[in-house]
Amino acid sequence: MHVVSAPVLEAWGCLADEQIVEKVVAGQTALFEVLMRRHNERVYRAARAIIKDESEAEDIMQQAYVNAYSHLRQFDGRSRFSTWLTRIAIHEALARARRRGRYTDMDLEHPSALTVATSTAAPLDPERLAFSRELGALMESAIDRLPDGAREVFILRTVEGMSTEEVAAALDVSEAVVKTRLSRARATLRRELSAQTEAVASNTFRFLRPRCDRVVAAVLARIL
């Protein structure tokens, strides 16, 4: 297995995704690692928003990357590579969740249905609430309890900072649906977390270096 060294990764880091895709398709397959490391956190957050399980989200990431690599020649540049890749991850996550009967699209005809579900998790240790991580933990818990459909829109739009157009393309829904789901998700979270919701959003569901290395190594072992 050929893993790209840190200096090489840094050297290629100035290239746009589409340029790296061209090089991978042309035969420099090891550079696929650059794309994985660049987008690992977004792909993880997208999968995690749907599946609500960290370990399975990593499995979905690996499969999504393998799928993307296998179909890289089909990427035509009509959307950003990050959007194309995120959509692959979302489709994989939704397929798994629906096969197991664990996903129900939110009903936009019944706005009252958008409420935070009752948590079955054990309460947080009071001592943890004294640390900086407390708000992030509360935020993640509240996001997990949002209905299917609203949860991934909130993660991709607010946490990941994707545009409404990108989210609509990734989820294969209209921009109007994205806006409606986002508005309702924010209102629901605001009721539970008040003003802290937006302030801590950027720190939720992080995908840090050790996990990044693990996923990259597993994918490279399957595709190279």
C-alpha atoms as a PDB file:
ATOM      1  CA  MET A   1       0.000   0.000   0.000  1.00  0.00           C
ATOM      2  CA  HIS A   2       1.403   3.371  -1.004  1.00  0.00           C
ATOM      3  CA  VAL A   3       0.640   6.167   1.442  1.00  0.00           C
ATOM      4  CA  VAL A   4       1.476   9.729   0.434  1.00  0.00           C
ATOM      5  CA  SER A   5       3.992  11.358   2.770  1.00  0.00           C
ATOM      6  CA  ALA A   6       3.187  14.534   4.690  1.00  0.00           C
ATOM      7  CA  PRO A   7       5.448  16.764   2.539  1.00  0.00           C
ATOM      8  CA  VAL A   8       3.858  15.416  -0.629  1.00  0.00           C
ATOM      9  CA  LEU A   9       0.379  15.938   0.786  1.00  0.00           C
ATOM     10  CA  GLU A  10       1.301  19.516   1.579  1.00  0.00           C
ATOM     11  CA  ALA A  11       2.765  20.051  -1.878  1.00  0.00           C
ATOM     12  CA  TRP A  12      -0.419  18.891  -3.598  1.00  0.00           C
ATOM     13  CA  GLY A  13      -2.603  20.779  -1.148  1.00  0.00           C
ATOM     14  CA  CYS A  14      -2.586  23.930  -3.276  1.00  0.00           C
ATOM     15  CA  LEU A  15      -4.397  22.195  -6.128  1.00  0.00           C
ATOM     16  CA  ALA A  16      -8.170  22.326  -6.480  1.00  0.00           C
ATOM     17  CA  ASP A  17     -10.144  19.124  -6.000  1.00  0.00           C
ATOM     18  CA  GLU A  18     -10.884  18.899  -9.692  1.00  0.00           C
ATOM     19  CA  GLN A  19      -7.193  19.093 -10.583  1.00  0.00           C
ATOM     20  CA  ILE A  20      -6.375  16.293  -8.168  1.00  0.00           C
ATOM     21  CA  VAL A  21      -9.223  14.199  -9.575  1.00  0.00           C
ATOM     22  CA  GLU A  22      -7.712  14.564 -13.041  1.00  0.00           C
ATOM     23  CA  LYS A  23      -4.346  13.349 -11.770  1.00  0.00           C
ATOM     24  CA  VAL A  24      -5.883  10.371  -9.959  1.00  0.00           C
ATOM     25  CA  VAL A  25      -7.817   9.383 -13.085  1.00  0.00           C
ATOM     26  CA  ALA A  26      -4.600   9.769 -15.114  1.00  0.00           C
ATOM     27  CA  GLY A  27      -2.866   7.200 -12.945  1.00  0.00           C
ATOM     28  CA  GLN A  28      -1.561   9.004  -9.859  1.00  0.00           C
ATOM     29  CA  THR A  29      -3.945   6.979  -7.725  1.00  0.00           C
ATOM     30  CA  ALA A  30      -2.138   7.559  -4.429  1.00  0.00           C
ATOM     31  CA  LEU A  31      -3.213  11.206  -4.583  1.00  0.00           C
ATOM     32  CA  PHE A  32      -6.739  10.080  -3.749  1.00  0.00           C
ATOM     33  CA  GLU A  33      -5.491  10.338  -0.169  1.00  0.00           C
ATOM     34  CA  VAL A  34      -5.317  14.118  -0.573  1.00  0.00           C
ATOM     35  CA  LEU A  35      -9.019  14.215  -1.360  1.00  0.00           C
ATOM     36  CA  MET A  36      -9.903  11.965   1.567  1.00  0.00           C
ATOM     37  CA  ARG A  37      -7.961  13.997   4.092  1.00  0.00           C
ATOM     38  CA  ARG A  38      -9.368  17.226   2.700  1.00  0.00           C
ATOM     39  CA  HIS A  39     -12.986  16.102   3.015  1.00  0.00           C
ATOM     40  CA  ASN A  40     -12.968  13.551   5.843  1.00  0.00           C
ATOM     41  CA  GLU A  41     -14.723  15.760   8.363  1.00  0.00           C
ATOM     42  CA  ARG A  42     -17.526  16.774   6.007  1.00  0.00           C
ATOM     43  CA  VAL A  43     -18.110  13.189   4.854  1.00  0.00           C
ATOM     44  CA  TYR A  44     -18.104  11.972   8.455  1.00  0.00           C
ATOM     45  CA  ARG A  45     -20.549  14.640   9.564  1.00  0.00           C
ATOM     46  CA  ALA A  46     -22.900  13.869   6.678  1.00  0.00           C
ATOM     47  CA  ALA A  47     -22.913  10.144   7.450  1.00  0.00           C
ATOM     48  CA  ARG A  48     -23.083  10.679  11.203  1.00  0.00           C
ATOM     49  CA  ALA A  49     -26.054  13.017  10.848  1.00  0.00           C
ATOM     50  CA  ILE A  50     -28.063  10.258   9.199  1.00  0.00           C
ATOM     51  CA  ILE A  51     -26.873   7.107  10.943  1.00  0.00           C
ATOM     52  CA  LYS A  52     -26.334   8.567  14.460  1.00  0.00           C
ATOM     53  CA  ASP A  53     -23.568   6.076  15.241  1.00  0.00           C
ATOM     54  CA  GLU A  54     -19.864   6.947  15.170  1.00  0.00           C
ATOM     55  CA  SER A  55     -18.522   3.505  14.320  1.00  0.00           C
ATOM     56  CA  GLU A  56     -21.014   2.867  11.550  1.00  0.00           C
ATOM     57  CA  ALA A  57     -20.421   6.360  10.197  1.00  0.00           C
ATOM     58  CA  GLU A  58     -16.774   5.416   9.696  1.00  0.00           C
ATOM     59  CA  ASP A  59     -17.807   2.247   7.844  1.00  0.00           C
ATOM     60  CA  ILE A  60     -20.052   4.348   5.622  1.00  0.00           C
ATOM     61  CA  MET A  61     -17.187   6.757   4.958  1.00  0.00           C
ATOM     62  CA  GLN A  62     -14.961   3.935   3.800  1.00  0.00           C
ATOM     63  CA  GLN A  63     -17.598   2.548   1.466  1.00  0.00           C
ATOM     64  CA  ALA A  64     -18.414   6.025   0.152  1.00  0.00           C
ATOM     65  CA  TYR A  65     -14.752   6.634  -0.672  1.00  0.00           C
ATOM     66  CA  VAL A  66     -14.451   3.270  -2.388  1.00  0.00           C
ATOM     67  CA  ASN A  67     -17.590   4.036  -4.396  1.00  0.00           C
ATOM     68  CA  ALA A  68     -16.275   7.491  -5.304  1.00  0.00           C
ATOM     69  CA  TYR A  69     -12.907   6.095  -6.358  1.00  0.00           C
ATOM     70  CA  SER A  70     -14.562   3.405  -8.488  1.00  0.00           C
ATOM     71  CA  HIS A  71     -16.689   5.997 -10.288  1.00  0.00           C
ATOM     72  CA  LEU A  72     -14.213   8.851 -10.374  1.00  0.00           C
ATOM     73  CA  ARG A  73     -14.236   8.962 -14.171  1.00  0.00           C
ATOM     74  CA  GLN A  74     -17.955   9.747 -13.980  1.00  0.00           C
ATOM     75  CA  PHE A  75     -17.336  12.981 -12.090  1.00  0.00           C
ATOM     76  CA  ASP A  76     -18.056  15.584 -14.748  1.00  0.00           C
ATOM     77  CA  GLY A  77     -17.504  18.797 -12.829  1.00  0.00           C
ATOM     78  CA  ARG A  78     -21.106  19.975 -13.087  1.00  0.00           C
ATOM     79  CA  SER A  79     -21.100  20.290  -9.291  1.00  0.00           C
ATOM     80  CA  ARG A  80     -18.228  20.779  -6.896  1.00  0.00           C
ATOM     81  CA  PHE A  81     -16.320  17.593  -6.107  1.00  0.00           C
ATOM     82  CA  SER A  82     -17.092  18.025  -2.403  1.00  0.00           C
ATOM     83  CA  THR A  83     -20.827  18.087  -3.186  1.00  0.00           C
ATOM     84  CA  TRP A  84     -20.537  15.016  -5.431  1.00  0.00           C
ATOM     85  CA  LEU A  85     -18.608  13.141  -2.731  1.00  0.00           C
ATOM     86  CA  THR A  86     -20.991  14.192   0.037  1.00  0.00           C
ATOM     87  CA  ARG A  87     -23.926  12.992  -2.001  1.00  0.00           C
ATOM     88  CA  ILE A  88     -22.327   9.561  -2.388  1.00  0.00           C
ATOM     89  CA  ALA A  89     -21.858   9.349   1.382  1.00  0.00           C
ATOM     90  CA  ILE A  90     -25.442  10.469   2.011  1.00  0.00           C
ATOM     91  CA  HIS A  91     -26.843   7.884  -0.379  1.00  0.00           C
ATOM     92  CA  GLU A  92     -24.824   5.135   1.309  1.00  0.00           C
ATOM     93  CA  ALA A  93     -25.941   6.247   4.785  1.00  0.00           C
ATOM     94  CA  LEU A  94     -29.599   6.551   3.790  1.00  0.00           C
ATOM     95  CA  ALA A  95     -29.561   3.143   2.124  1.00  0.00           C
ATOM     96  CA  ARG A  96     -28.222   1.507   5.274  1.00  0.00           C
ATOM     97  CA  ALA A  97     -30.580   3.341   7.598  1.00  0.00           C
ATOM     98  CA  ARG A  98     -33.648   2.560   5.496  1.00  0.00           C
ATOM     99  CA  ARG A  99     -32.730  -1.116   5.104  1.00  0.00           C
ATOM    100  CA  ARG A 100     -32.808  -1.369   8.881  1.00  0.00           C
ATOM    101  CA  GLY A 101     -35.982   0.624   9.275  1.00  0.00           C
ATOM    102  CA  ARG A 102     -34.143   3.313  11.179  1.00  0.00           C
ATOM    103  CA  TYR A 103     -34.988   6.320   9.045  1.00  0.00           C
ATOM    104  CA  THR A 104     -38.283   8.109   8.460  1.00  0.00           C
ATOM    105  CA  ASP A 105     -38.384  11.203   6.270  1.00  0.00           C
ATOM    106  CA  MET A 106     -39.831  14.130   8.154  1.00  0.00           C
ATOM    107  CA  ASP A 107     -43.373  15.039   7.091  1.00  0.00           C
ATOM    108  CA  LEU A 108     -43.356  18.612   5.861  1.00  0.00           C
ATOM    109  CA  GLU A 109     -47.151  18.623   5.847  1.00  0.00           C
ATOM    110  CA  HIS A 110     -47.183  18.377   9.636  1.00  0.00           C
ATOM    111  CA  PRO A 111     -44.855  21.021  11.104  1.00  0.00           C
ATOM    112  CA  SER A 112     -45.844  20.074  14.623  1.00  0.00           C
ATOM    113  CA  ALA A 113     -44.080  16.762  14.105  1.00  0.00           C
ATOM    114  CA  LEU A 114     -40.727  18.520  14.280  1.00  0.00           C
ATOM    115  CA  THR A 115     -39.967  18.116  17.946  1.00  0.00           C
ATOM    116  CA  VAL A 116     -36.911  16.863  19.780  1.00  0.00           C
ATOM    117  CA  ALA A 117     -37.354  13.224  20.675  1.00  0.00           C
ATOM    118  CA  THR A 118     -37.084  12.028  24.231  1.00  0.00           C
ATOM    119  CA  SER A 119     -33.519  11.089  24.985  1.00  0.00           C
ATOM    120  CA  THR A 120     -32.799   7.565  26.163  1.00  0.00           C
ATOM    121  CA  ALA A 121     -29.135   8.316  26.854  1.00  0.00           C
ATOM    122  CA  ALA A 122     -27.805   8.475  30.375  1.00  0.00           C
ATOM    123  CA  PRO A 123     -27.550  12.019  31.752  1.00  0.00           C
ATOM    124  CA  LEU A 124     -24.193  13.703  31.411  1.00  0.00           C
ATOM    125  CA  ASP A 125     -21.862  13.498  34.367  1.00  0.00           C
ATOM    126  CA  PRO A 126     -22.239  16.831  36.267  1.00  0.00           C
ATOM    127  CA  GLU A 127     -18.464  17.229  36.398  1.00  0.00           C
ATOM    128  CA  ARG A 128     -18.248  17.148  32.602  1.00  0.00           C
ATOM    129  CA  LEU A 129     -20.603  20.090  32.424  1.00  0.00           C
ATOM    130  CA  ALA A 130     -17.905  22.267  33.960  1.00  0.00           C
ATOM    131  CA  PHE A 131     -15.578  21.822  31.005  1.00  0.00           C
ATOM    132  CA  SER A 132     -15.579  23.500  27.619  1.00  0.00           C
ATOM    133  CA  ARG A 133     -16.910  20.328  26.013  1.00  0.00           C
ATOM    134  CA  GLU A 134     -20.238  20.557  27.813  1.00  0.00           C
ATOM    135  CA  LEU A 135     -22.022  22.686  25.260  1.00  0.00           C
ATOM    136  CA  GLY A 136     -20.729  20.581  22.399  1.00  0.00           C
ATOM    137  CA  ALA A 137     -22.011  17.429  24.093  1.00  0.00           C
ATOM    138  CA  LEU A 138     -25.404  18.995  24.694  1.00  0.00           C
ATOM    139  CA  MET A 139     -25.528  20.239  21.117  1.00  0.00           C
ATOM    140  CA  GLU A 140     -24.657  16.851  19.636  1.00  0.00           C
ATOM    141  CA  SER A 141     -27.296  15.181  21.784  1.00  0.00           C
ATOM    142  CA  ALA A 142     -29.962  17.676  20.691  1.00  0.00           C
ATOM    143  CA  ILE A 143     -29.012  17.322  17.013  1.00  0.00           C
ATOM    144  CA  ASP A 144     -29.215  13.533  17.250  1.00  0.00           C
ATOM    145  CA  ARG A 145     -32.799  13.859  18.471  1.00  0.00           C
ATOM    146  CA  LEU A 146     -33.919  15.990  15.529  1.00  0.00           C
ATOM    147  CA  PRO A 147     -36.150  14.139  13.032  1.00  0.00           C
ATOM    148  CA  ASP A 148     -34.666  12.403  10.010  1.00  0.00           C
ATOM    149  CA  GLY A 149     -34.417  14.958   7.232  1.00  0.00           C
ATOM    150  CA  ALA A 150     -33.982  17.962   9.500  1.00  0.00           C
ATOM    151  CA  ARG A 151     -30.873  16.572  11.150  1.00  0.00           C
ATOM    152  CA  GLU A 152     -28.709  16.226   8.036  1.00  0.00           C
ATOM    153  CA  VAL A 153     -29.861  19.583   6.673  1.00  0.00           C
ATOM    154  CA  PHE A 154     -28.760  21.284   9.887  1.00  0.00           C
ATOM    155  CA  ILE A 155     -25.390  19.507   9.908  1.00  0.00           C
ATOM    156  CA  LEU A 156     -24.561  20.214   6.266  1.00  0.00           C
ATOM    157  CA  ARG A 157     -25.904  23.776   6.162  1.00  0.00           C
ATOM    158  CA  THR A 158     -24.999  25.163   9.593  1.00  0.00           C
ATOM    159  CA  VAL A 159     -22.159  22.990  10.874  1.00  0.00           C
ATOM    160  CA  GLU A 160     -20.421  22.311   7.542  1.00  0.00           C
ATOM    161  CA  GLY A 161     -21.292  25.673   6.004  1.00  0.00           C
ATOM    162  CA  MET A 162     -22.499  24.270   2.700  1.00  0.00           C
ATOM    163  CA  SER A 163     -24.736  26.539   0.630  1.00  0.00           C
ATOM    164  CA  THR A 164     -28.453  25.893   0.264  1.00  0.00           C
ATOM    165  CA  GLU A 165     -27.846  24.896  -3.338  1.00  0.00           C
ATOM    166  CA  GLU A 166     -25.113  22.419  -2.364  1.00  0.00           C
ATOM    167  CA  VAL A 167     -27.236  20.840   0.357  1.00  0.00           C
ATOM    168  CA  ALA A 168     -30.200  20.527  -1.986  1.00  0.00           C
ATOM    169  CA  ALA A 169     -27.993  18.797  -4.557  1.00  0.00           C
ATOM    170  CA  ALA A 170     -26.442  16.496  -1.960  1.00  0.00           C
ATOM    171  CA  LEU A 171     -29.801  15.425  -0.516  1.00  0.00           C
ATOM    172  CA  ASP A 172     -31.637  15.435  -3.861  1.00  0.00           C
ATOM    173  CA  VAL A 173     -34.358  17.795  -2.629  1.00  0.00           C
ATOM    174  CA  SER A 174     -35.381  21.314  -3.621  1.00  0.00           C
ATOM    175  CA  GLU A 175     -33.790  24.422  -2.153  1.00  0.00           C
ATOM    176  CA  ALA A 176     -37.187  25.308  -0.693  1.00  0.00           C
ATOM    177  CA  VAL A 177     -37.222  22.027   1.225  1.00  0.00           C
ATOM    178  CA  VAL A 178     -33.732  22.723   2.552  1.00  0.00           C
ATOM    179  CA  LYS A 179     -34.750  26.168   3.751  1.00  0.00           C
ATOM    180  CA  THR A 180     -37.906  24.883   5.423  1.00  0.00           C
ATOM    181  CA  ARG A 181     -36.173  22.009   7.185  1.00  0.00           C
ATOM    182  CA  LEU A 182     -33.330  24.229   8.311  1.00  0.00           C
ATOM    183  CA  SER A 183     -35.704  26.844   9.704  1.00  0.00           C
ATOM    184  CA  ARG A 184     -37.647  24.277  11.659  1.00  0.00           C
ATOM    185  CA  ALA A 185     -34.519  22.514  12.904  1.00  0.00           C
ATOM    186  CA  ARG A 186     -33.085  25.792  14.173  1.00  0.00           C
ATOM    187  CA  ALA A 187     -36.329  26.690  15.903  1.00  0.00           C
ATOM    188  CA  THR A 188     -36.458  23.312  17.606  1.00  0.00           C
ATOM    189  CA  LEU A 189     -32.845  23.505  18.761  1.00  0.00           C
ATOM    190  CA  ARG A 190     -33.268  27.089  19.880  1.00  0.00           C
ATOM    191  CA  ARG A 191     -36.087  26.072  22.166  1.00  0.00           C
ATOM    192  CA  GLU A 192     -33.847  23.489  23.811  1.00  0.00           C
ATOM    193  CA  LEU A 193     -30.484  25.210  23.785  1.00  0.00           C
ATOM    194  CA  SER A 194     -31.426  28.884  23.423  1.00  0.00           C
ATOM    195  CA  ALA A 195     -28.693  31.254  22.254  1.00  0.00           C
ATOM    196  CA  GLN A 196     -25.820  28.731  22.536  1.00  0.00           C
ATOM    197  CA  THR A 197     -26.947  26.703  19.522  1.00  0.00           C
ATOM    198  CA  GLU A 198     -25.136  28.590  16.754  1.00  0.00           C
ATOM    199  CA  ALA A 199     -22.155  29.442  18.978  1.00  0.00           C
ATOM    200  CA  VAL A 200     -21.102  25.820  19.511  1.00  0.00           C
ATOM    201  CA  ALA A 201     -22.203  24.311  16.196  1.00  0.00           C
ATOM    202  CA  SER A 202     -18.779  24.488  14.548  1.00  0.00           C
ATOM    203  CA  ASN A 203     -17.249  22.279  17.255  1.00  0.00           C
ATOM    204  CA  THR A 204     -19.687  19.375  16.986  1.00  0.00           C
ATOM    205  CA  PHE A 205     -18.938  15.944  15.483  1.00  0.00           C
ATOM    206  CA  ARG A 206     -15.271  16.678  14.871  1.00  0.00           C
ATOM    207  CA  PHE A 207     -13.234  14.158  12.920  1.00  0.00           C
ATOM    208  CA  LEU A 208      -9.713  14.507  14.270  1.00  0.00           C
ATOM    209  CA  ARG A 209      -6.365  13.147  13.072  1.00  0.00           C
ATOM    210  CA  PRO A 210      -6.294   9.625  14.609  1.00  0.00           C
ATOM    211  CA  ARG A 211      -9.678   8.749  13.133  1.00  0.00           C
ATOM    212  CA  CYS A 212      -8.759  10.446   9.868  1.00  0.00           C
ATOM    213  CA  ASP A 213      -5.617   8.287   9.633  1.00  0.00           C
ATOM    214  CA  ARG A 214      -7.607   5.123  10.360  1.00  0.00           C
ATOM    215  CA  VAL A 215     -10.189   5.738   7.650  1.00  0.00           C
ATOM    216  CA  VAL A 216      -7.595   6.800   5.084  1.00  0.00           C
ATOM    217  CA  ALA A 217      -5.483   3.695   5.725  1.00  0.00           C
ATOM    218  CA  ALA A 218      -8.506   1.384   5.461  1.00  0.00           C
ATOM    219  CA  VAL A 219      -9.673   2.912   2.187  1.00  0.00           C
ATOM    220  CA  LEU A 220      -6.206   2.911   0.621  1.00  0.00           C
ATOM    221  CA  ALA A 221      -5.868  -0.759   1.514  1.00  0.00           C
ATOM    222  CA  ARG A 222      -9.038  -1.467  -0.473  1.00  0.00           C
ATOM    223  CA  ILE A 223      -8.402   0.660  -3.564  1.00  0.00           C
ATOM    224  CA  LEU A 224      -4.630   0.665  -4.137  1.00  0.00           C
END
